[in-house]
Amino acid sequence: MSIRSERVASLIRQELGAIISREFNGSGEFGFATVTETRMTPDLRVARVFISILGSDEKKEKTLKYIENQKGYYRSIIGSRIKLKFVPELEFHHDTSLDRAMHIEELIRQIHNDEKKKS
C-alpha cells in the first residue's frame, strides 16, 4: 500500500471509528462495535473496513446489517470531513480475529486447568 493510501485508510478508520463508537456502544440493542482496520484499493475508490463486534451472534448479525444499511450515511459524513477527489465506496467486513483470539485463550485456559487437575 502506498503512503497516500495508508494515510487515507487511517483517516477513514478514525472517522468511522468515532461515528460507530458513538452510534452503537452503550446501546443494549446492538453489539459493541469497533473499526479494527481499513484497507484502500490502489485507486482510493474503495475502502474495505473491518469491524470487530462483541455480543451474541444475533447482536453481531444485527449490528453488521445496520452498518451495511448506513453505508451511504457514513460515506456522506466522510465526504464532508475528509477532502478527497472521490469519496470511496465502503465495504464492511466482520473481523473475526478477536473471536478467534478469545477461543484460543479459552482453549489454553482449559489445558492449563486440566494440567492442574492431573498434578
PDB file of N, CA and C in Angstrom:
ATOM      1  N   MET A   1       0.851  -1.174   0.000  1.00  0.00           N
ATOM      2  CA  MET A   1       0.000   0.000   0.000  1.00  0.00           C
ATOM      3  C   MET A   1       0.900   1.241   0.000  1.00  0.00           C
ATOM      4  N   SER A   2       0.525   2.222  -0.800  1.00  0.00           N
ATOM      5  CA  SER A   2       1.312   3.453  -0.876  1.00  0.00           C
ATOM      6  C   SER A   2       1.105   4.296   0.384  1.00  0.00           C
ATOM      7  N   ILE A   3       1.955   5.257   0.569  1.00  0.00           N
ATOM      8  CA  ILE A   3       1.859   6.129   1.743  1.00  0.00           C
ATOM      9  C   ILE A   3       0.537   6.887   1.732  1.00  0.00           C
ATOM     10  N   ARG A   4       0.137   7.366   0.551  1.00  0.00           N
ATOM     11  CA  ARG A   4      -1.126   8.108   0.453  1.00  0.00           C
ATOM     12  C   ARG A   4      -2.310   7.217   0.814  1.00  0.00           C
ATOM     13  N   SER A   5      -2.348   6.008   0.287  1.00  0.00           N
ATOM     14  CA  SER A   5      -3.478   5.129   0.596  1.00  0.00           C
ATOM     15  C   SER A   5      -3.485   4.744   2.075  1.00  0.00           C
ATOM     16  N   GLU A   6      -2.306   4.613   2.675  1.00  0.00           N
ATOM     17  CA  GLU A   6      -2.245   4.337   4.114  1.00  0.00           C
ATOM     18  C   GLU A   6      -2.793   5.509   4.920  1.00  0.00           C
ATOM     19  N   ARG A   7      -2.457   6.729   4.501  1.00  0.00           N
ATOM     20  CA  ARG A   7      -2.966   7.917   5.199  1.00  0.00           C
ATOM     21  C   ARG A   7      -4.480   8.028   5.073  1.00  0.00           C
ATOM     22  N   VAL A   8      -4.983   7.813   3.862  1.00  0.00           N
ATOM     23  CA  VAL A   8      -6.434   7.884   3.644  1.00  0.00           C
ATOM     24  C   VAL A   8      -7.129   6.794   4.456  1.00  0.00           C
ATOM     25  N   ALA A   9      -6.582   5.588   4.448  1.00  0.00           N
ATOM     26  CA  ALA A   9      -7.162   4.491   5.227  1.00  0.00           C
ATOM     27  C   ALA A   9      -7.191   4.836   6.709  1.00  0.00           C
ATOM     28  N   SER A  10      -6.119   5.431   7.202  1.00  0.00           N
ATOM     29  CA  SER A  10      -6.051   5.814   8.612  1.00  0.00           C
ATOM     30  C   SER A  10      -7.099   6.870   8.955  1.00  0.00           C
ATOM     31  N   LEU A  11      -7.253   7.866   8.090  1.00  0.00           N
ATOM     32  CA  LEU A  11      -8.265   8.905   8.328  1.00  0.00           C
ATOM     33  C   LEU A  11      -9.678   8.323   8.329  1.00  0.00           C
ATOM     34  N   ILE A  12      -9.947   7.446   7.378  1.00  0.00           N
ATOM     35  CA  ILE A  12     -11.276   6.830   7.304  1.00  0.00           C
ATOM     36  C   ILE A  12     -11.517   5.961   8.528  1.00  0.00           C
ATOM     37  N   ARG A  13     -10.503   5.207   8.947  1.00  0.00           N
ATOM     38  CA  ARG A  13     -10.640   4.364  10.142  1.00  0.00           C
ATOM     39  C   ARG A  13     -10.950   5.220  11.368  1.00  0.00           C
ATOM     40  N   GLN A  14     -10.264   6.346  11.513  1.00  0.00           N
ATOM     41  CA  GLN A  14     -10.504   7.231  12.659  1.00  0.00           C
ATOM     42  C   GLN A  14     -11.913   7.808  12.628  1.00  0.00           C
ATOM     43  N   GLU A  15     -12.330   8.312  11.469  1.00  0.00           N
ATOM     44  CA  GLU A  15     -13.659   8.924  11.356  1.00  0.00           C
ATOM     45  C   GLU A  15     -14.761   7.898  11.585  1.00  0.00           C
ATOM     46  N   LEU A  16     -14.669   6.758  10.899  1.00  0.00           N
ATOM     47  CA  LEU A  16     -15.694   5.726  11.078  1.00  0.00           C
ATOM     48  C   LEU A  16     -15.679   5.177  12.497  1.00  0.00           C
ATOM     49  N   GLY A  17     -14.492   5.039  13.071  1.00  0.00           N
ATOM     50  CA  GLY A  17     -14.390   4.564  14.451  1.00  0.00           C
ATOM     51  C   GLY A  17     -15.141   5.468  15.407  1.00  0.00           C
ATOM     52  N   ALA A  18     -14.971   6.767  15.240  1.00  0.00           N
ATOM     53  CA  ALA A  18     -15.667   7.729  16.107  1.00  0.00           C
ATOM     54  C   ALA A  18     -17.176   7.676  15.887  1.00  0.00           C
ATOM     55  N   ILE A  19     -17.594   7.612  14.634  1.00  0.00           N
ATOM     56  CA  ILE A  19     -19.028   7.576  14.317  1.00  0.00           C
ATOM     57  C   ILE A  19     -19.669   6.315  14.882  1.00  0.00           C
ATOM     58  N   ILE A  20     -19.066   5.176  14.597  1.00  0.00           N
ATOM     59  CA  ILE A  20     -19.637   3.896  15.027  1.00  0.00           C
ATOM     60  C   ILE A  20     -19.587   3.769  16.537  1.00  0.00           C
ATOM     61  N   SER A  21     -18.525   4.241  17.146  1.00  0.00           N
ATOM     62  CA  SER A  21     -18.416   4.193  18.605  1.00  0.00           C
ATOM     63  C   SER A  21     -19.558   4.955  19.262  1.00  0.00           C
ATOM     64  N   ARG A  22     -19.833   6.153  18.769  1.00  0.00           N
ATOM     65  CA  ARG A  22     -20.932   6.958  19.329  1.00  0.00           C
ATOM     66  C   ARG A  22     -22.284   6.315  19.059  1.00  0.00           C
ATOM     67  N   GLU A  23     -22.422   5.718  17.898  1.00  0.00           N
ATOM     68  CA  GLU A  23     -23.717   5.202  17.475  1.00  0.00           C
ATOM     69  C   GLU A  23     -24.116   3.916  18.199  1.00  0.00           C
ATOM     70  N   PHE A  24     -23.169   3.020  18.432  1.00  0.00           N
ATOM     71  CA  PHE A  24     -23.516   1.696  18.941  1.00  0.00           C
ATOM     72  C   PHE A  24     -23.194   1.460  20.402  1.00  0.00           C
ATOM     73  N   ASN A  25     -22.043   1.880  20.830  1.00  0.00           N
ATOM     74  CA  ASN A  25     -21.562   1.489  22.144  1.00  0.00           C
ATOM     75  C   ASN A  25     -22.380   2.164  23.232  1.00  0.00           C
ATOM     76  N   GLY A  26     -22.877   1.349  24.125  1.00  0.00           N
ATOM     77  CA  GLY A  26     -23.758   1.838  25.174  1.00  0.00           C
ATOM     78  C   GLY A  26     -25.202   1.472  24.892  1.00  0.00           C
ATOM     79  N   SER A  27     -25.475   1.085  23.656  1.00  0.00           N
ATOM     80  CA  SER A  27     -26.824   0.666  23.287  1.00  0.00           C
ATOM     81  C   SER A  27     -26.942  -0.830  23.538  1.00  0.00           C
ATOM     82  N   GLY A  28     -27.969  -1.240  24.238  1.00  0.00           N
ATOM     83  CA  GLY A  28     -28.168  -2.660  24.503  1.00  0.00           C
ATOM     84  C   GLY A  28     -28.729  -3.404  23.310  1.00  0.00           C
ATOM     85  N   GLU A  29     -29.186  -2.652  22.317  1.00  0.00           N
ATOM     86  CA  GLU A  29     -29.820  -3.253  21.147  1.00  0.00           C
ATOM     87  C   GLU A  29     -28.808  -3.889  20.198  1.00  0.00           C
ATOM     88  N   PHE A  30     -27.611  -3.298  20.112  1.00  0.00           N
ATOM     89  CA  PHE A  30     -26.586  -3.762  19.185  1.00  0.00           C
ATOM     90  C   PHE A  30     -25.370  -4.264  19.955  1.00  0.00           C
ATOM     91  N   GLY A  31     -24.468  -4.943  19.233  1.00  0.00           N
ATOM     92  CA  GLY A  31     -23.215  -5.371  19.825  1.00  0.00           C
ATOM     93  C   GLY A  31     -22.245  -4.200  19.926  1.00  0.00           C
ATOM     94  N   PHE A  32     -21.186  -4.386  20.685  1.00  0.00           N
ATOM     95  CA  PHE A  32     -20.136  -3.378  20.850  1.00  0.00           C
ATOM     96  C   PHE A  32     -19.262  -3.435  19.601  1.00  0.00           C
ATOM     97  N   ALA A  33     -19.258  -2.386  18.794  1.00  0.00           N
ATOM     98  CA  ALA A  33     -18.568  -2.392  17.503  1.00  0.00           C
ATOM     99  C   ALA A  33     -17.334  -1.504  17.525  1.00  0.00           C
ATOM    100  N   THR A  34     -16.262  -1.995  16.889  1.00  0.00           N
ATOM    101  CA  THR A  34     -15.006  -1.264  16.786  1.00  0.00           C
ATOM    102  C   THR A  34     -14.439  -1.440  15.379  1.00  0.00           C
ATOM    103  N   VAL A  35     -13.958  -0.363  14.789  1.00  0.00           N
ATOM    104  CA  VAL A  35     -13.281  -0.453  13.494  1.00  0.00           C
ATOM    105  C   VAL A  35     -11.847  -0.883  13.775  1.00  0.00           C
ATOM    106  N   THR A  36     -11.468  -2.058  13.277  1.00  0.00           N
ATOM    107  CA  THR A  36     -10.138  -2.589  13.567  1.00  0.00           C
ATOM    108  C   THR A  36      -9.121  -2.290  12.473  1.00  0.00           C
ATOM    109  N   GLU A  37      -9.587  -2.209  11.232  1.00  0.00           N
ATOM    110  CA  GLU A  37      -8.648  -1.983  10.129  1.00  0.00           C
ATOM    111  C   GLU A  37      -9.399  -1.425   8.926  1.00  0.00           C
ATOM    112  N   THR A  38      -8.695  -0.651   8.128  1.00  0.00           N
ATOM    113  CA  THR A  38      -9.239  -0.147   6.867  1.00  0.00           C
ATOM    114  C   THR A  38      -8.167  -0.300   5.802  1.00  0.00           C
ATOM    115  N   ARG A  39      -8.556  -0.859   4.667  1.00  0.00           N
ATOM    116  CA  ARG A  39      -7.631  -1.027   3.541  1.00  0.00           C
ATOM    117  C   ARG A  39      -8.224  -0.338   2.319  1.00  0.00           C
ATOM    118  N   MET A  40      -7.397   0.384   1.618  1.00  0.00           N
ATOM    119  CA  MET A  40      -7.826   1.098   0.416  1.00  0.00           C
ATOM    120  C   MET A  40      -7.366   0.350  -0.830  1.00  0.00           C
ATOM    121  N   THR A  41      -8.163   0.442  -1.891  1.00  0.00           N
ATOM    122  CA  THR A  41      -7.700  -0.047  -3.183  1.00  0.00           C
ATOM    123  C   THR A  41      -6.672   0.959  -3.705  1.00  0.00           C
ATOM    124  N   PRO A  42      -5.807   0.551  -4.628  1.00  0.00           N
ATOM    125  CA  PRO A  42      -4.764   1.466  -5.121  1.00  0.00           C
ATOM    126  C   PRO A  42      -5.303   2.779  -5.703  1.00  0.00           C
ATOM    127  N   ASP A  43      -6.500   2.748  -6.288  1.00  0.00           N
ATOM    128  CA  ASP A  43      -7.062   3.974  -6.868  1.00  0.00           C
ATOM    129  C   ASP A  43      -7.847   4.809  -5.852  1.00  0.00           C
ATOM    130  N   LEU A  44      -7.877   4.375  -4.595  1.00  0.00           N
ATOM    131  CA  LEU A  44      -8.551   5.068  -3.487  1.00  0.00           C
ATOM    132  C   LEU A  44     -10.066   5.187  -3.679  1.00  0.00           C
ATOM    133  N   ARG A  45     -10.643   4.331  -4.487  1.00  0.00           N
ATOM    134  CA  ARG A  45     -12.085   4.398  -4.754  1.00  0.00           C
ATOM    135  C   ARG A  45     -12.896   3.486  -3.845  1.00  0.00           C
ATOM    136  N   VAL A  46     -12.246   2.508  -3.231  1.00  0.00           N
ATOM    137  CA  VAL A  46     -12.945   1.571  -2.351  1.00  0.00           C
ATOM    138  C   VAL A  46     -12.171   1.437  -1.045  1.00  0.00           C
ATOM    139  N   ALA A  47     -12.905   1.529   0.058  1.00  0.00           N
ATOM    140  CA  ALA A  47     -12.317   1.315   1.385  1.00  0.00           C
ATOM    141  C   ALA A  47     -12.926   0.043   1.963  1.00  0.00           C
ATOM    142  N   ARG A  48     -12.086  -0.913   2.276  1.00  0.00           N
ATOM    143  CA  ARG A  48     -12.545  -2.142   2.930  1.00  0.00           C
ATOM    144  C   ARG A  48     -12.362  -1.934   4.429  1.00  0.00           C
ATOM    145  N   VAL A  49     -13.482  -1.907   5.131  1.00  0.00           N
ATOM    146  CA  VAL A  49     -13.483  -1.580   6.556  1.00  0.00           C
ATOM    147  C   VAL A  49     -13.782  -2.855   7.338  1.00  0.00           C
ATOM    148  N   PHE A  50     -12.882  -3.211   8.252  1.00  0.00           N
ATOM    149  CA  PHE A  50     -13.049  -4.409   9.066  1.00  0.00           C
ATOM    150  C   PHE A  50     -13.546  -3.996  10.444  1.00  0.00           C
ATOM    151  N   ILE A  51     -14.635  -4.639  10.865  1.00  0.00           N
ATOM    152  CA  ILE A  51     -15.287  -4.272  12.113  1.00  0.00           C
ATOM    153  C   ILE A  51     -15.331  -5.480  13.033  1.00  0.00           C
ATOM    154  N   SER A  52     -14.887  -5.275  14.260  1.00  0.00           N
ATOM    155  CA  SER A  52     -14.983  -6.294  15.303  1.00  0.00           C
ATOM    156  C   SER A  52     -16.225  -5.980  16.126  1.00  0.00           C
ATOM    157  N   ILE A  53     -17.060  -6.995  16.342  1.00  0.00           N
ATOM    158  CA  ILE A  53     -18.308  -6.796  17.068  1.00  0.00           C
ATOM    159  C   ILE A  53     -18.372  -7.797  18.212  1.00  0.00           C
ATOM    160  N   LEU A  54     -18.580  -7.279  19.418  1.00  0.00           N
ATOM    161  CA  LEU A  54     -18.741  -8.136  20.587  1.00  0.00           C
ATOM    162  C   LEU A  54     -20.222  -8.237  20.920  1.00  0.00           C
ATOM    163  N   GLY A  55     -20.619  -9.400  21.404  1.00  0.00           N
ATOM    164  CA  GLY A  55     -22.011  -9.620  21.774  1.00  0.00           C
ATOM    165  C   GLY A  55     -22.458 -10.981  21.273  1.00  0.00           C
ATOM    166  N   SER A  56     -23.736 -11.257  21.434  1.00  0.00           N
ATOM    167  CA  SER A  56     -24.279 -12.531  20.969  1.00  0.00           C
ATOM    168  C   SER A  56     -24.251 -12.566  19.442  1.00  0.00           C
ATOM    169  N   ASP A  57     -24.374 -13.775  18.894  1.00  0.00           N
ATOM    170  CA  ASP A  57     -24.372 -13.909  17.436  1.00  0.00           C
ATOM    171  C   ASP A  57     -25.501 -13.098  16.810  1.00  0.00           C
ATOM    172  N   GLU A  58     -26.644 -13.065  17.479  1.00  0.00           N
ATOM    173  CA  GLU A  58     -27.793 -12.302  16.984  1.00  0.00           C
ATOM    174  C   GLU A  58     -27.469 -10.805  16.933  1.00  0.00           C
ATOM    175  N   LYS A  59     -26.842 -10.299  17.999  1.00  0.00           N
ATOM    176  CA  LYS A  59     -26.479  -8.878  18.041  1.00  0.00           C
ATOM    177  C   LYS A  59     -25.401  -8.551  17.009  1.00  0.00           C
ATOM    178  N   LYS A  60     -24.458  -9.470  16.818  1.00  0.00           N
ATOM    179  CA  LYS A  60     -23.409  -9.254  15.819  1.00  0.00           C
ATOM    180  C   LYS A  60     -24.021  -9.114  14.430  1.00  0.00           C
ATOM    181  N   GLU A  61     -24.924 -10.037  14.104  1.00  0.00           N
ATOM    182  CA  GLU A  61     -25.570 -10.018  12.793  1.00  0.00           C
ATOM    183  C   GLU A  61     -26.402  -8.749  12.609  1.00  0.00           C
ATOM    184  N   LYS A  62     -27.154  -8.389  13.643  1.00  0.00           N
ATOM    185  CA  LYS A  62     -27.998  -7.194  13.587  1.00  0.00           C
ATOM    186  C   LYS A  62     -27.149  -5.934  13.425  1.00  0.00           C
ATOM    187  N   THR A  63     -26.037  -5.871  14.138  1.00  0.00           N
ATOM    188  CA  THR A  63     -25.144  -4.713  14.066  1.00  0.00           C
ATOM    189  C   THR A  63     -24.533  -4.587  12.676  1.00  0.00           C
ATOM    190  N   LEU A  64     -24.044  -5.696  12.129  1.00  0.00           N
ATOM    191  CA  LEU A  64     -23.425  -5.658  10.805  1.00  0.00           C
ATOM    192  C   LEU A  64     -24.446  -5.275   9.731  1.00  0.00           C
ATOM    193  N   LYS A  65     -25.669  -5.784   9.837  1.00  0.00           N
ATOM    194  CA  LYS A  65     -26.722  -5.419   8.878  1.00  0.00           C
ATOM    195  C   LYS A  65     -27.025  -3.926   8.961  1.00  0.00           C
ATOM    196  N   TYR A  66     -27.099  -3.405  10.175  1.00  0.00           N
ATOM    197  CA  TYR A  66     -27.379  -1.980  10.356  1.00  0.00           C
ATOM    198  C   TYR A  66     -26.265  -1.133   9.747  1.00  0.00           C
ATOM    199  N   ILE A  67     -25.022  -1.523   9.995  1.00  0.00           N
ATOM    200  CA  ILE A  67     -23.879  -0.793   9.448  1.00  0.00           C
ATOM    201  C   ILE A  67     -23.923  -0.821   7.918  1.00  0.00           C
ATOM    202  N   GLU A  68     -24.224  -1.980   7.351  1.00  0.00           N
ATOM    203  CA  GLU A  68     -24.341  -2.099   5.890  1.00  0.00           C
ATOM    204  C   GLU A  68     -25.414  -1.160   5.350  1.00  0.00           C
ATOM    205  N   ASN A  69     -26.543  -1.081   6.054  1.00  0.00           N
ATOM    206  CA  ASN A  69     -27.643  -0.218   5.610  1.00  0.00           C
ATOM    207  C   ASN A  69     -27.304   1.265   5.725  1.00  0.00           C
ATOM    208  N   GLN A  70     -26.360   1.614   6.589  1.00  0.00           N
ATOM    209  CA  GLN A  70     -25.981   3.012   6.808  1.00  0.00           C
ATOM    210  C   GLN A  70     -24.789   3.454   5.953  1.00  0.00           C
ATOM    211  N   LYS A  71     -24.370   2.612   5.020  1.00  0.00           N
ATOM    212  CA  LYS A  71     -23.203   2.903   4.177  1.00  0.00           C
ATOM    213  C   LYS A  71     -23.235   4.300   3.572  1.00  0.00           C
ATOM    214  N   GLY A  72     -24.344   4.656   2.976  1.00  0.00           N
ATOM    215  CA  GLY A  72     -24.469   5.959   2.317  1.00  0.00           C
ATOM    216  C   GLY A  72     -24.320   7.111   3.296  1.00  0.00           C
ATOM    217  N   TYR A  73     -24.923   6.959   4.465  1.00  0.00           N
ATOM    218  CA  TYR A  73     -24.825   7.979   5.515  1.00  0.00           C
ATOM    219  C   TYR A  73     -23.376   8.147   5.961  1.00  0.00           C
ATOM    220  N   TYR A  74     -22.697   7.031   6.225  1.00  0.00           N
ATOM    221  CA  TYR A  74     -21.299   7.092   6.651  1.00  0.00           C
ATOM    222  C   TYR A  74     -20.432   7.717   5.556  1.00  0.00           C
ATOM    223  N   ARG A  75     -20.716   7.367   4.326  1.00  0.00           N
ATOM    224  CA  ARG A  75     -19.949   7.896   3.200  1.00  0.00           C
ATOM    225  C   ARG A  75     -20.125   9.411   3.091  1.00  0.00           C
ATOM    226  N   SER A  76     -21.343   9.893   3.299  1.00  0.00           N
ATOM    227  CA  SER A  76     -21.572  11.342   3.217  1.00  0.00           C
ATOM    228  C   SER A  76     -20.857  12.086   4.344  1.00  0.00           C
ATOM    229  N   ILE A  77     -20.827  11.495   5.535  1.00  0.00           N
ATOM    230  CA  ILE A  77     -20.104  12.120   6.650  1.00  0.00           C
ATOM    231  C   ILE A  77     -18.606  12.170   6.343  1.00  0.00           C
ATOM    232  N   ILE A  78     -18.075  11.064   5.841  1.00  0.00           N
ATOM    233  CA  ILE A  78     -16.651  11.028   5.488  1.00  0.00           C
ATOM    234  C   ILE A  78     -16.354  12.082   4.422  1.00  0.00           C
ATOM    235  N   GLY A  79     -17.241  12.205   3.440  1.00  0.00           N
ATOM    236  CA  GLY A  79     -17.053  13.191   2.380  1.00  0.00           C
ATOM    237  C   GLY A  79     -17.029  14.617   2.893  1.00  0.00           C
ATOM    238  N   SER A  80     -17.798  14.885   3.938  1.00  0.00           N
ATOM    239  CA  SER A  80     -17.814  16.246   4.487  1.00  0.00           C
ATOM    240  C   SER A  80     -16.628  16.520   5.414  1.00  0.00           C
ATOM    241  N   ARG A  81     -16.044  15.476   5.980  1.00  0.00           N
ATOM    242  CA  ARG A  81     -14.943  15.659   6.933  1.00  0.00           C
ATOM    243  C   ARG A  81     -13.555  15.505   6.318  1.00  0.00           C
ATOM    244  N   ILE A  82     -13.453  14.688   5.274  1.00  0.00           N
ATOM    245  CA  ILE A  82     -12.161  14.437   4.637  1.00  0.00           C
ATOM    246  C   ILE A  82     -12.250  14.925   3.197  1.00  0.00           C
ATOM    247  N   LYS A  83     -11.361  15.801   2.824  1.00  0.00           N
ATOM    248  CA  LYS A  83     -11.382  16.358   1.473  1.00  0.00           C
ATOM    249  C   LYS A  83     -10.612  15.442   0.522  1.00  0.00           C
ATOM    250  N   LEU A  84     -11.369  14.726  -0.307  1.00  0.00           N
ATOM    251  CA  LEU A  84     -10.793  13.837  -1.309  1.00  0.00           C
ATOM    252  C   LEU A  84     -11.451  14.125  -2.655  1.00  0.00           C
ATOM    253  N   LYS A  85     -10.757  13.790  -3.726  1.00  0.00           N
ATOM    254  CA  LYS A  85     -11.333  13.970  -5.056  1.00  0.00           C
ATOM    255  C   LYS A  85     -12.573  13.093  -5.201  1.00  0.00           C
ATOM    256  N   PHE A  86     -12.475  11.850  -4.749  1.00  0.00           N
ATOM    257  CA  PHE A  86     -13.590  10.913  -4.763  1.00  0.00           C
ATOM    258  C   PHE A  86     -13.770  10.362  -3.358  1.00  0.00           C
ATOM    259  N   VAL A  87     -14.999  10.331  -2.888  1.00  0.00           N
ATOM    260  CA  VAL A  87     -15.271   9.699  -1.593  1.00  0.00           C
ATOM    261  C   VAL A  87     -15.367   8.200  -1.870  1.00  0.00           C
ATOM    262  N   PRO A  88     -14.562   7.388  -1.209  1.00  0.00           N
ATOM    263  CA  PRO A  88     -14.538   5.962  -1.537  1.00  0.00           C
ATOM    264  C   PRO A  88     -15.833   5.237  -1.162  1.00  0.00           C
ATOM    265  N   GLU A  89     -16.131   4.207  -1.947  1.00  0.00           N
ATOM    266  CA  GLU A  89     -17.211   3.289  -1.600  1.00  0.00           C
ATOM    267  C   GLU A  89     -16.754   2.540  -0.352  1.00  0.00           C
ATOM    268  N   LEU A  90     -17.686   2.199   0.510  1.00  0.00           N
ATOM    269  CA  LEU A  90     -17.347   1.493   1.744  1.00  0.00           C
ATOM    270  C   LEU A  90     -17.803   0.047   1.652  1.00  0.00           C
ATOM    271  N   GLU A  91     -16.898  -0.864   1.941  1.00  0.00           N
ATOM    272  CA  GLU A  91     -17.222  -2.291   2.035  1.00  0.00           C
ATOM    273  C   GLU A  91     -16.941  -2.706   3.471  1.00  0.00           C
ATOM    274  N   PHE A  92     -17.961  -3.190   4.155  1.00  0.00           N
ATOM    275  CA  PHE A  92     -17.788  -3.590   5.547  1.00  0.00           C
ATOM    276  C   PHE A  92     -17.624  -5.099   5.639  1.00  0.00           C
ATOM    277  N   HIS A  93     -16.661  -5.510   6.461  1.00  0.00           N
ATOM    278  CA  HIS A  93     -16.381  -6.926   6.682  1.00  0.00           C
ATOM    279  C   HIS A  93     -16.290  -7.173   8.182  1.00  0.00           C
ATOM    280  N   HIS A  94     -16.845  -8.302   8.615  1.00  0.00           N
ATOM    281  CA  HIS A  94     -16.774  -8.659  10.033  1.00  0.00           C
ATOM    282  C   HIS A  94     -15.383  -9.211  10.318  1.00  0.00           C
ATOM    283  N   ASP A  95     -14.672  -8.591  11.233  1.00  0.00           N
ATOM    284  CA  ASP A  95     -13.336  -9.027  11.640  1.00  0.00           C
ATOM    285  C   ASP A  95     -13.502 -10.038  12.769  1.00  0.00           C
ATOM    286  N   THR A  96     -13.181 -11.285  12.486  1.00  0.00           N
ATOM    287  CA  THR A  96     -13.370 -12.346  13.478  1.00  0.00           C
ATOM    288  C   THR A  96     -12.097 -12.655  14.258  1.00  0.00           C
ATOM    289  N   SER A  97     -11.042 -11.877  14.072  1.00  0.00           N
ATOM    290  CA  SER A  97      -9.775 -12.174  14.750  1.00  0.00           C
ATOM    291  C   SER A  97      -9.918 -12.123  16.268  1.00  0.00           C
ATOM    292  N   LEU A  98     -10.736 -11.207  16.785  1.00  0.00           N
ATOM    293  CA  LEU A  98     -10.942 -11.124  18.230  1.00  0.00           C
ATOM    294  C   LEU A  98     -11.674 -12.365  18.738  1.00  0.00           C
ATOM    295  N   ASP A  99     -12.668 -12.835  17.994  1.00  0.00           N
ATOM    296  CA  ASP A  99     -13.390 -14.054  18.369  1.00  0.00           C
ATOM    297  C   ASP A  99     -12.446 -15.253  18.396  1.00  0.00           C
ATOM    298  N   ARG A 100     -11.582 -15.350  17.384  1.00  0.00           N
ATOM    299  CA  ARG A 100     -10.626 -16.466  17.343  1.00  0.00           C
ATOM    300  C   ARG A 100      -9.643 -16.379  18.501  1.00  0.00           C
ATOM    301  N   ALA A 101      -9.180 -15.178  18.821  1.00  0.00           N
ATOM    302  CA  ALA A 101      -8.242 -14.999  19.932  1.00  0.00           C
ATOM    303  C   ALA A 101      -8.884 -15.406  21.255  1.00  0.00           C
ATOM    304  N   MET A 102     -10.147 -15.032  21.443  1.00  0.00           N
ATOM    305  CA  MET A 102     -10.848 -15.403  22.676  1.00  0.00           C
ATOM    306  C   MET A 102     -11.030 -16.919  22.756  1.00  0.00           C
ATOM    307  N   HIS A 103     -11.297 -17.562  21.609  1.00  0.00           N
ATOM    308  CA  HIS A 103     -11.454 -19.017  21.580  1.00  0.00           C
ATOM    309  C   HIS A 103     -10.129 -19.706  21.922  1.00  0.00           C
ATOM    310  N   ILE A 104      -9.039 -19.219  21.358  1.00  0.00           N
ATOM    311  CA  ILE A 104      -7.717 -19.790  21.649  1.00  0.00           C
ATOM    312  C   ILE A 104      -7.370 -19.604  23.119  1.00  0.00           C
ATOM    313  N   GLU A 105      -7.678 -18.435  23.661  1.00  0.00           N
ATOM    314  CA  GLU A 105      -7.416 -18.177  25.078  1.00  0.00           C
ATOM    315  C   GLU A 105      -8.206 -19.146  25.958  1.00  0.00           C
ATOM    316  N   GLU A 106      -9.444 -19.413  25.586  1.00  0.00           N
ATOM    317  CA  GLU A 106     -10.273 -20.354  26.347  1.00  0.00           C
ATOM    318  C   GLU A 106      -9.691 -21.764  26.271  1.00  0.00           C
ATOM    319  N   LEU A 107      -9.208 -22.172  25.104  1.00  0.00           N
ATOM    320  CA  LEU A 107      -8.588 -23.493  24.968  1.00  0.00           C
ATOM    321  C   LEU A 107      -7.333 -23.602  25.829  1.00  0.00           C
ATOM    322  N   ILE A 108      -6.518 -22.564  25.852  1.00  0.00           N
ATOM    323  CA  ILE A 108      -5.309 -22.563  26.684  1.00  0.00           C
ATOM    324  C   ILE A 108      -5.685 -22.647  28.157  1.00  0.00           C
ATOM    325  N   ARG A 109      -6.716 -21.913  28.543  1.00  0.00           N
ATOM    326  CA  ARG A 109      -7.184 -21.945  29.930  1.00  0.00           C
ATOM    327  C   ARG A 109      -7.652 -23.360  30.308  1.00  0.00           C
ATOM    328  N   GLN A 110      -8.362 -24.020  29.399  1.00  0.00           N
ATOM    329  CA  GLN A 110      -8.828 -25.382  29.667  1.00  0.00           C
ATOM    330  C   GLN A 110      -7.656 -26.341  29.816  1.00  0.00           C
ATOM    331  N   ILE A 111      -6.663 -26.220  28.948  1.00  0.00           N
ATOM    332  CA  ILE A 111      -5.480 -27.076  29.041  1.00  0.00           C
ATOM    333  C   ILE A 111      -4.767 -26.838  30.365  1.00  0.00           C
ATOM    334  N   HIS A 112      -4.635 -25.584  30.744  1.00  0.00           N
ATOM    335  CA  HIS A 112      -3.977 -25.233  31.999  1.00  0.00           C
ATOM    336  C   HIS A 112      -4.740 -25.831  33.187  1.00  0.00           C
ATOM    337  N   ASN A 113      -6.058 -25.737  33.175  1.00  0.00           N
ATOM    338  CA  ASN A 113      -6.877 -26.299  34.260  1.00  0.00           C
ATOM    339  C   ASN A 113      -6.776 -27.818  34.299  1.00  0.00           C
ATOM    340  N   ASP A 114      -6.740 -28.466  33.127  1.00  0.00           N
ATOM    341  CA  ASP A 114      -6.594 -29.923  33.075  1.00  0.00           C
ATOM    342  C   ASP A 114      -5.250 -30.361  33.645  1.00  0.00           C
ATOM    343  N   GLU A 115      -4.192 -29.598  33.357  1.00  0.00           N
ATOM    344  CA  GLU A 115      -2.869 -29.929  33.887  1.00  0.00           C
ATOM    345  C   GLU A 115      -2.825 -29.759  35.400  1.00  0.00           C
ATOM    346  N   LYS A 116      -3.532 -28.764  35.921  1.00  0.00           N
ATOM    347  CA  LYS A 116      -3.588 -28.567  37.373  1.00  0.00           C
ATOM    348  C   LYS A 116      -4.296 -29.739  38.045  1.00  0.00           C
ATOM    349  N   LYS A 117      -5.360 -30.231  37.421  1.00  0.00           N
ATOM    350  CA  LYS A 117      -6.116 -31.350  37.991  1.00  0.00           C
ATOM    351  C   LYS A 117      -5.280 -32.620  38.012  1.00  0.00           C
ATOM    352  N   LYS A 118      -4.420 -32.814  37.001  1.00  0.00           N
ATOM    353  CA  LYS A 118      -3.577 -34.004  36.932  1.00  0.00           C
ATOM    354  C   LYS A 118      -2.470 -33.973  37.977  1.00  0.00           C
ATOM    355  N   SER A 119      -2.039 -32.790  38.384  1.00  0.00           N
ATOM    356  CA  SER A 119      -0.926 -32.659  39.338  1.00  0.00           C
ATOM    357  C   SER A 119      -1.335 -33.025  40.728  1.00  0.00           C
TER     358      SER A 119
END
